[in-house]
Amino acid sequence: MEAYTPRVVSIGPLHHGEEHLVAMEEHKLRYLQNFLSESGKTLEECVEIISREEKSARDCYTESINMSSKEFVEMILLDGCFIIEVILGFRNCRTIKPDDRIFNKPGLIFDVRRDMALLENQLPFFLLLTLYRLLTVMAVPGHQNDYYSFLLLSVEFFKLYSQIPKAKSCEEIIETIAKKASSTDEEIKHLVELLIVCQQPPSPSRLLKPSDFKLIPTATKLHEEGVRFELGSKNDPLLDIDYRRSDGVLKIPKLKLAHRCESLFRNLISFEQCHYLKGLYITDYIFLMDQLINTSKDVDVLVNKGIIDNWLGDNVAVTNLFNSLLINTVGGDDFYFAGIFEGINEYCNVPWNRWKAALRRDYFSSPWRGASTIAAVILLLLTLIQTVFSIMSVK
């Protein structure tokens, strides 16, 4: 499937040697030369370092890898140096040479970044860290720990593409990663998992099992029921969706939907489905959006409120995207947005909320319509008063 297949560069063994990706191999060699120059290491020294990690690296892949030891080590070294040089180049931590087609060719860096976020296009994170530690430059001021330094460089590289919230500070990201490591005794497996961890809330709210909550109506239906949609802060994390029970306001952060988003979401969901039993945060987010969106009219509601920034061409494309992302997936042991579903359903079960919404929509949807409604009511009251006085005068 195209969403899982690299377009311009192979990383790791699963797509290595595919014909449409061979053109980038020459550029990988240039980046390897850059890396050797920057690290002060010889090629032989780097090969020896990677060779010591070969078994651990092979164990990270569930698929059978039909490559000799020499081929595998050379591939890891070449692809690992490529990733590090791309990330450092993006942060302007190294000089971009005139023949660097990745940064000098318009748009190519976006395809490279997309390919680096594919689940089937990964290197073990510990190998990237091993190579990064060979460099003499500490690329993140204020972070002398090379592990956190490389984590933050990677986060900056993917920030815009993956909609990692700007409001989430480096310290918050590190704290989330540290909590994961302490609770599971595991560190980040690869860059895809890093993207997921960056979206996870530091303190999850009350979780309910899927059987403990009811589904919610679509955005159009909720609008008719009186639920009001508001745009969250532009710096809010993607998962920071809030529902105010007091007045029925559902606040959702902005989601920019471009053509590369399908690939990103599918790969993040696939990783969650394979490795997480609890805390399927991305899956839960897509499930919520899928509940809100059933037709292009539902997309209209969210676009008009500024919640969805649609770069896909039309609203039908947005509908098709959200209605297809969770096909052949399973839910987790709990649901992150269960409390929001619970609150929305309670609001919709109160008839007065629906009547109030209809009154607001039909008679007070604009200042002019509101003024006309008030004028009509006043005229009706005056007519009624005049009629009463007429009857009284006759008596």
Protein backbone atom coordinates (compact mmCIF):
# COMPACT_ATOMS: atom_id res chain seq x y z
CA MET A 1 0.00 0.00 0.00
CA GLU A 2 1.33 3.43 -0.97
CA ALA A 3 0.91 4.92 2.51
CA TYR A 4 3.52 2.50 3.88
CA THR A 5 5.93 2.57 0.94
CA PRO A 6 8.88 5.01 0.66
CA ARG A 7 8.91 7.35 -2.33
CA VAL A 8 12.51 8.53 -2.53
CA VAL A 9 14.71 6.85 0.09
CA SER A 10 14.97 3.44 1.75
CA ILE A 11 15.92 3.22 5.41
CA GLY A 12 16.75 -0.19 6.85
CA PRO A 13 16.45 -3.62 5.23
CA LEU A 14 12.76 -3.91 4.33
CA HIS A 15 12.84 -1.71 1.21
CA HIS A 16 16.58 -1.82 0.60
CA GLY A 17 17.55 -2.13 -3.06
CA GLU A 18 14.12 -1.36 -4.53
CA GLU A 19 14.59 0.05 -8.00
CA HIS A 20 12.73 3.34 -7.56
CA LEU A 21 14.85 4.17 -4.49
CA VAL A 22 18.32 3.44 -5.89
CA ALA A 23 18.92 7.03 -7.03
CA MET A 24 19.27 8.19 -3.42
CA GLU A 25 22.08 5.71 -2.66
CA GLU A 26 24.67 7.98 -4.29
CA HIS A 27 23.61 10.84 -2.05
CA LYS A 28 23.84 8.58 0.99
CA LEU A 29 27.52 8.05 0.16
CA ARG A 30 28.07 11.82 0.15
CA TYR A 31 26.43 12.08 3.55
CA LEU A 32 28.62 9.24 4.81
CA GLN A 33 31.70 11.21 3.76
CA ASN A 34 30.33 14.26 5.56
CA PHE A 35 29.74 12.20 8.69
CA LEU A 36 33.24 10.69 8.67
CA SER A 37 34.75 14.14 8.27
CA GLU A 38 32.65 15.60 11.10
CA SER A 39 33.25 12.69 13.49
CA GLY A 40 36.96 12.30 12.83
CA LYS A 41 36.44 8.54 12.55
CA THR A 42 37.60 6.30 9.73
CA LEU A 43 35.22 4.12 7.77
CA GLU A 44 36.78 1.02 9.31
CA GLU A 45 36.25 2.34 12.84
CA CYS A 46 32.57 3.05 12.16
CA VAL A 47 32.06 -0.38 10.59
CA GLU A 48 33.60 -1.99 13.67
CA ILE A 49 31.30 -0.02 16.00
CA ILE A 50 28.19 -1.06 14.07
CA SER A 51 29.39 -4.67 13.79
CA ARG A 52 29.35 -4.98 17.57
CA GLU A 53 25.64 -4.10 17.52
CA GLU A 54 24.66 -6.31 14.56
CA LYS A 55 22.86 -9.02 16.52
CA SER A 56 20.89 -6.52 18.60
CA ALA A 57 19.98 -4.65 15.42
CA ARG A 58 18.78 -7.78 13.61
CA ASP A 59 16.67 -8.74 16.63
CA CYS A 60 14.73 -5.48 16.27
CA TYR A 61 13.16 -6.70 13.01
CA THR A 62 10.47 -9.38 13.07
CA GLU A 63 10.98 -10.06 9.36
CA SER A 64 13.69 -12.39 8.11
CA ILE A 65 16.63 -10.37 6.75
CA ASN A 66 18.42 -12.15 3.92
CA MET A 67 21.58 -10.09 3.98
CA SER A 68 25.13 -11.08 4.80
CA SER A 69 26.79 -9.61 7.87
CA LYS A 70 28.88 -7.29 5.68
CA GLU A 71 25.87 -6.08 3.67
CA PHE A 72 23.76 -5.55 6.77
CA VAL A 73 26.40 -3.57 8.67
CA GLU A 74 27.19 -1.39 5.65
CA MET A 75 23.50 -0.69 5.10
CA ILE A 76 22.99 0.28 8.76
CA LEU A 77 25.99 2.59 8.69
CA LEU A 78 25.01 4.22 5.40
CA ASP A 79 21.35 4.72 6.34
CA GLY A 80 22.13 5.79 9.89
CA CYS A 81 24.59 8.47 8.77
CA PHE A 82 22.04 9.62 6.21
CA ILE A 83 19.37 10.13 8.89
CA ILE A 84 21.73 12.04 11.18
CA GLU A 85 23.03 14.27 8.39
CA VAL A 86 19.48 15.09 7.25
CA ILE A 87 18.39 15.99 10.78
CA LEU A 88 21.51 18.09 11.43
CA GLY A 89 21.18 19.80 8.06
CA PHE A 90 17.58 20.70 8.80
CA ARG A 91 18.63 22.34 12.06
CA ASN A 92 21.51 24.16 10.27
CA CYS A 93 24.01 22.31 12.45
CA ARG A 94 26.20 21.60 9.45
CA THR A 95 27.12 23.31 6.18
CA ILE A 96 24.79 22.59 3.25
CA LYS A 97 26.95 22.02 0.17
CA PRO A 98 25.94 23.20 -3.33
CA ASP A 99 25.53 19.61 -4.56
CA ASP A 100 23.17 18.69 -1.70
CA ARG A 101 20.05 17.86 -3.68
CA ILE A 102 17.94 17.11 -0.60
CA PHE A 103 18.11 20.66 0.75
CA ASN A 104 18.69 22.48 -2.55
CA LYS A 105 15.97 20.80 -4.61
CA PRO A 106 12.58 22.37 -3.81
CA GLY A 107 10.22 20.01 -2.01
CA LEU A 108 12.52 16.98 -1.81
CA ILE A 109 13.10 17.35 1.93
CA PHE A 110 9.35 16.91 2.45
CA ASP A 111 9.37 13.55 0.66
CA VAL A 112 12.47 12.49 2.61
CA ARG A 113 10.82 13.43 5.89
CA ARG A 114 7.67 11.55 4.93
CA ASP A 115 9.73 8.44 4.15
CA MET A 116 11.60 8.72 7.45
CA ALA A 117 8.25 8.50 9.29
CA LEU A 118 7.23 5.16 7.72
CA LEU A 119 6.98 2.14 10.00
CA GLU A 120 8.67 -0.13 7.42
CA ASN A 121 11.47 2.38 6.88
CA GLN A 122 13.18 2.51 10.27
CA LEU A 123 16.48 1.88 12.01
CA PRO A 124 16.65 1.03 15.72
CA PHE A 125 16.91 4.26 17.68
CA PHE A 126 19.83 2.99 19.76
CA LEU A 127 21.90 2.66 16.57
CA LEU A 128 21.15 6.24 15.56
CA LEU A 129 22.18 7.33 19.02
CA THR A 130 25.39 5.27 18.78
CA LEU A 131 26.33 7.09 15.58
CA TYR A 132 25.30 10.49 16.90
CA ARG A 133 27.60 10.03 19.89
CA LEU A 134 30.55 9.80 17.51
CA LEU A 135 30.11 13.43 16.51
CA THR A 136 32.07 16.07 18.34
CA VAL A 137 29.36 18.72 17.92
CA MET A 138 26.66 19.00 20.59
CA ALA A 139 23.89 20.38 18.42
CA VAL A 140 21.34 21.42 21.04
CA PRO A 141 22.50 24.29 23.29
CA GLY A 142 21.65 23.72 26.93
CA HIS A 143 21.33 19.95 26.56
CA GLN A 144 24.69 18.32 27.19
CA ASN A 145 23.13 14.86 27.43
CA ASP A 146 23.61 13.38 23.95
CA TYR A 147 20.52 11.15 24.27
CA TYR A 148 18.19 14.07 24.94
CA SER A 149 20.07 16.22 22.46
CA PHE A 150 19.37 13.80 19.62
CA LEU A 151 15.78 13.27 20.78
CA LEU A 152 15.11 16.98 20.57
CA LEU A 153 16.81 17.36 17.20
CA SER A 154 14.57 14.59 15.89
CA VAL A 155 11.47 16.21 17.36
CA GLU A 156 12.33 19.55 15.74
CA PHE A 157 12.81 17.81 12.40
CA PHE A 158 9.35 16.23 12.49
CA LYS A 159 7.51 18.99 14.31
CA LEU A 160 5.61 20.62 11.44
CA TYR A 161 5.05 17.39 9.53
CA SER A 162 3.60 15.47 12.47
CA GLN A 163 1.82 18.46 14.08
CA ILE A 164 3.75 18.02 17.30
CA PRO A 165 2.39 20.87 19.43
CA LYS A 166 4.59 23.95 19.65
CA ALA A 167 3.36 24.46 23.19
CA LYS A 168 4.87 21.17 24.26
CA SER A 169 8.28 22.14 25.53
CA CYS A 170 11.44 20.09 25.19
CA GLU A 171 11.26 19.37 28.91
CA GLU A 172 7.70 18.03 28.61
CA ILE A 173 8.72 15.71 25.78
CA ILE A 174 11.69 14.46 27.77
CA GLU A 175 9.44 13.95 30.81
CA THR A 176 6.97 11.88 28.77
CA ILE A 177 9.77 9.74 27.36
CA ALA A 178 11.32 9.29 30.81
CA LYS A 179 7.97 8.17 32.24
CA LYS A 180 7.59 5.61 29.48
CA ALA A 181 11.10 4.28 30.10
CA SER A 182 10.53 4.01 33.86
CA SER A 183 7.13 2.31 33.55
CA THR A 184 8.00 -0.18 30.80
CA ASP A 185 11.78 -0.45 31.19
CA GLU A 186 11.99 0.35 27.47
CA GLU A 187 13.40 3.27 25.55
CA ILE A 188 12.29 4.65 22.20
CA LYS A 189 12.40 1.92 19.54
CA HIS A 190 12.60 4.18 16.49
CA LEU A 191 11.51 7.53 15.07
CA VAL A 192 7.88 6.48 14.54
CA GLU A 193 7.49 5.69 18.23
CA LEU A 194 9.09 9.03 19.07
CA LEU A 195 6.36 10.79 17.08
CA ILE A 196 3.69 8.93 19.02
CA VAL A 197 5.27 9.65 22.41
CA CYS A 198 5.44 13.36 21.53
CA GLN A 199 1.65 13.41 21.15
CA GLN A 200 0.90 11.53 24.35
CA PRO A 201 -0.50 13.57 27.25
CA PRO A 202 1.74 13.71 30.34
CA SER A 203 -1.21 12.94 32.63
CA PRO A 204 -3.98 10.89 30.96
CA SER A 205 -7.52 11.70 32.01
CA ARG A 206 -10.03 9.14 33.26
CA LEU A 207 -10.17 6.21 30.86
CA LEU A 208 -13.17 3.97 30.26
CA LYS A 209 -13.50 0.65 28.51
CA PRO A 210 -15.13 0.77 25.05
CA SER A 211 -18.22 -1.02 26.41
CA ASP A 212 -18.77 1.71 29.02
CA PHE A 213 -19.68 4.60 26.71
CA LYS A 214 -22.04 5.38 23.84
CA LEU A 215 -21.06 6.76 20.46
CA ILE A 216 -21.71 10.41 19.67
CA PRO A 217 -23.63 11.97 16.75
CA THR A 218 -21.89 13.61 13.79
CA ALA A 219 -20.76 17.24 13.78
CA THR A 220 -23.85 18.34 11.82
CA LYS A 221 -26.20 16.58 14.22
CA LEU A 222 -24.34 17.93 17.26
CA HIS A 223 -24.62 21.44 15.84
CA GLU A 224 -28.38 20.94 15.55
CA GLU A 225 -28.49 19.62 19.11
CA GLY A 226 -26.87 22.80 20.39
CA VAL A 227 -23.29 21.63 20.89
CA ARG A 228 -20.98 24.47 19.87
CA PHE A 229 -17.61 23.87 18.26
CA GLU A 230 -14.68 26.12 19.10
CA LEU A 231 -11.10 26.21 17.86
CA GLY A 232 -8.50 25.43 20.49
CA SER A 233 -5.31 27.42 20.86
CA LYS A 234 -2.95 27.10 17.90
CA ASN A 235 -0.33 25.75 20.30
CA ASP A 236 -2.58 23.11 21.86
CA PRO A 237 -1.50 19.47 21.51
CA LEU A 238 -3.52 17.47 19.00
CA LEU A 239 -5.07 15.39 21.78
CA ASP A 240 -6.00 18.39 23.93
CA ILE A 241 -9.71 18.20 23.10
CA ASP A 242 -11.91 19.71 25.78
CA TYR A 243 -15.65 19.56 26.39
CA ARG A 244 -17.37 22.03 28.72
CA ARG A 245 -20.44 20.36 30.15
CA SER A 246 -21.82 23.63 31.56
CA ASP A 247 -22.60 25.14 28.15
CA GLY A 248 -21.99 22.34 25.63
CA VAL A 249 -18.79 23.69 24.04
CA LEU A 250 -16.46 21.23 22.30
CA LYS A 251 -13.02 22.76 21.81
CA ILE A 252 -10.73 21.03 19.29
CA PRO A 253 -7.19 22.08 18.26
CA LYS A 254 -6.55 22.91 14.61
CA LEU A 255 -5.72 19.99 12.33
CA LYS A 256 -3.95 20.79 9.07
CA LEU A 257 -4.75 18.07 6.53
CA ALA A 258 -2.28 17.86 3.65
CA HIS A 259 -1.62 14.99 1.24
CA ARG A 260 1.11 13.45 3.41
CA CYS A 261 -1.18 13.19 6.45
CA GLU A 262 -2.73 9.89 5.40
CA SER A 263 0.67 8.22 5.34
CA LEU A 264 1.58 9.68 8.73
CA PHE A 265 -1.67 8.66 10.43
CA ARG A 266 -1.67 5.15 8.96
CA ASN A 267 1.87 4.47 10.12
CA LEU A 268 1.27 5.83 13.62
CA ILE A 269 -1.91 3.78 13.92
CA SER A 270 -0.16 0.65 12.66
CA PHE A 271 2.55 0.99 15.28
CA GLU A 272 -0.01 1.44 18.06
CA GLN A 273 -1.94 -1.59 16.85
CA CYS A 274 1.18 -3.75 16.91
CA HIS A 275 2.85 -2.61 20.12
CA TYR A 276 0.41 -0.87 22.47
CA LEU A 277 -2.43 -2.52 24.38
CA LYS A 278 -3.25 0.56 26.44
CA GLY A 279 -3.08 4.20 25.52
CA LEU A 280 -3.92 4.03 21.80
CA TYR A 281 -3.96 7.82 21.71
CA ILE A 282 -3.65 8.36 17.96
CA THR A 283 -6.17 5.60 17.25
CA ASP A 284 -8.57 7.14 19.77
CA TYR A 285 -8.14 10.59 18.21
CA ILE A 286 -8.94 9.27 14.74
CA PHE A 287 -11.93 7.39 16.17
CA LEU A 288 -13.31 10.61 17.65
CA MET A 289 -12.86 12.47 14.35
CA ASP A 290 -14.44 9.56 12.48
CA GLN A 291 -17.47 9.83 14.77
CA LEU A 292 -17.78 13.55 14.03
CA ILE A 293 -17.33 13.17 10.28
CA ASN A 294 -19.67 11.08 8.16
CA THR A 295 -20.39 13.34 5.19
CA SER A 296 -18.90 16.46 3.62
CA LYS A 297 -21.49 18.53 5.53
CA ASP A 298 -19.83 17.47 8.77
CA VAL A 299 -16.49 18.62 7.38
CA ASP A 300 -18.13 21.95 6.50
CA VAL A 301 -18.99 22.49 10.16
CA LEU A 302 -15.40 21.88 11.30
CA VAL A 303 -13.83 23.86 8.45
CA ASN A 304 -16.10 26.85 9.11
CA LYS A 305 -14.98 26.84 12.74
CA GLY A 306 -11.32 26.72 11.70
CA ILE A 307 -10.79 23.31 13.31
CA ILE A 308 -9.83 21.63 10.04
CA ASP A 309 -7.47 23.37 7.63
CA ASN A 310 -8.22 21.43 4.46
CA TRP A 311 -5.40 21.17 1.92
CA LEU A 312 -6.74 17.97 0.35
CA GLY A 313 -8.78 19.73 -2.31
CA ASP A 314 -12.37 19.15 -1.19
CA ASN A 315 -14.33 18.09 1.85
CA VAL A 316 -15.24 14.72 0.35
CA ALA A 317 -11.54 13.79 0.48
CA VAL A 318 -11.48 14.60 4.20
CA THR A 319 -14.57 12.45 4.75
CA ASN A 320 -13.07 9.52 2.86
CA LEU A 321 -9.82 9.84 4.81
CA PHE A 322 -11.33 9.64 8.29
CA ASN A 323 -13.88 7.00 7.28
CA SER A 324 -11.12 4.67 6.05
CA LEU A 325 -8.22 5.09 8.50
CA LEU A 326 -9.51 2.64 11.11
CA ILE A 327 -10.65 -0.15 8.78
CA ASN A 328 -9.27 -3.50 10.02
CA THR A 329 -8.09 -2.02 13.32
CA VAL A 330 -9.12 -2.90 16.86
CA GLY A 331 -9.82 -0.73 19.88
CA GLY A 332 -7.70 -0.76 22.99
CA ASP A 333 -8.51 -1.77 26.54
CA ASP A 334 -9.70 1.77 27.24
CA PHE A 335 -10.69 4.95 25.38
CA TYR A 336 -9.02 8.28 26.03
CA PHE A 337 -12.02 10.45 25.03
CA ALA A 338 -14.69 8.39 26.84
CA GLY A 339 -15.39 11.22 29.29
CA ILE A 340 -16.02 13.63 26.41
CA PHE A 341 -18.40 11.18 24.75
CA GLU A 342 -20.22 10.78 28.06
CA GLY A 343 -20.62 14.54 28.52
CA ILE A 344 -21.81 15.14 24.95
CA ASN A 345 -24.44 12.41 25.17
CA GLU A 346 -25.73 13.82 28.46
CA TYR A 347 -26.09 17.25 26.84
CA CYS A 348 -27.92 15.84 23.80
CA ASN A 349 -30.40 14.00 26.03
CA VAL A 350 -31.75 17.29 27.44
CA PRO A 351 -34.61 18.50 25.14
CA TRP A 352 -34.23 22.16 26.21
CA ASN A 353 -30.73 22.27 24.72
CA ARG A 354 -32.13 21.27 21.33
CA TRP A 355 -34.93 23.83 21.51
CA LYS A 356 -32.52 26.55 22.59
CA ALA A 357 -30.27 25.71 19.64
CA ALA A 358 -33.20 25.83 17.21
CA LEU A 359 -34.27 29.20 18.60
CA ARG A 360 -30.75 30.57 18.26
CA ARG A 361 -30.35 29.14 14.75
CA ASP A 362 -33.76 30.13 13.34
CA TYR A 363 -34.28 33.52 14.96
CA PHE A 364 -30.94 34.84 16.21
CA SER A 365 -28.36 33.51 13.72
CA SER A 366 -27.25 37.06 12.80
CA PRO A 367 -27.60 40.56 14.32
CA TRP A 368 -30.13 41.57 11.65
CA ARG A 369 -32.23 38.46 12.12
CA GLY A 370 -32.07 38.90 15.89
CA ALA A 371 -33.14 42.54 15.59
CA SER A 372 -35.99 41.53 13.28
CA THR A 373 -37.11 38.86 15.74
CA ILE A 374 -37.07 41.29 18.66
CA ALA A 375 -38.94 43.88 16.59
CA ALA A 376 -41.56 41.30 15.64
CA VAL A 377 -42.01 40.30 19.29
CA ILE A 378 -42.37 43.95 20.34
CA LEU A 379 -44.89 44.55 17.54
CA LEU A 380 -46.81 41.47 18.62
CA LEU A 381 -46.87 42.66 22.23
CA LEU A 382 -48.02 46.15 21.21
CA THR A 383 -50.76 44.65 19.06
CA LEU A 384 -51.83 42.45 21.96
CA ILE A 385 -51.87 45.42 24.35
CA GLN A 386 -53.84 47.49 21.85
CA THR A 387 -56.35 44.68 21.47
CA VAL A 388 -56.76 44.36 25.24
CA PHE A 389 -57.35 48.11 25.61
CA SER A 390 -59.85 48.03 22.73
CA ILE A 391 -61.81 45.26 24.43
CA MET A 392 -61.73 47.10 27.76
CA SER A 393 -62.94 50.36 26.17
CA VAL A 394 -65.90 48.59 24.56
CA LYS A 395 -66.96 47.29 27.96
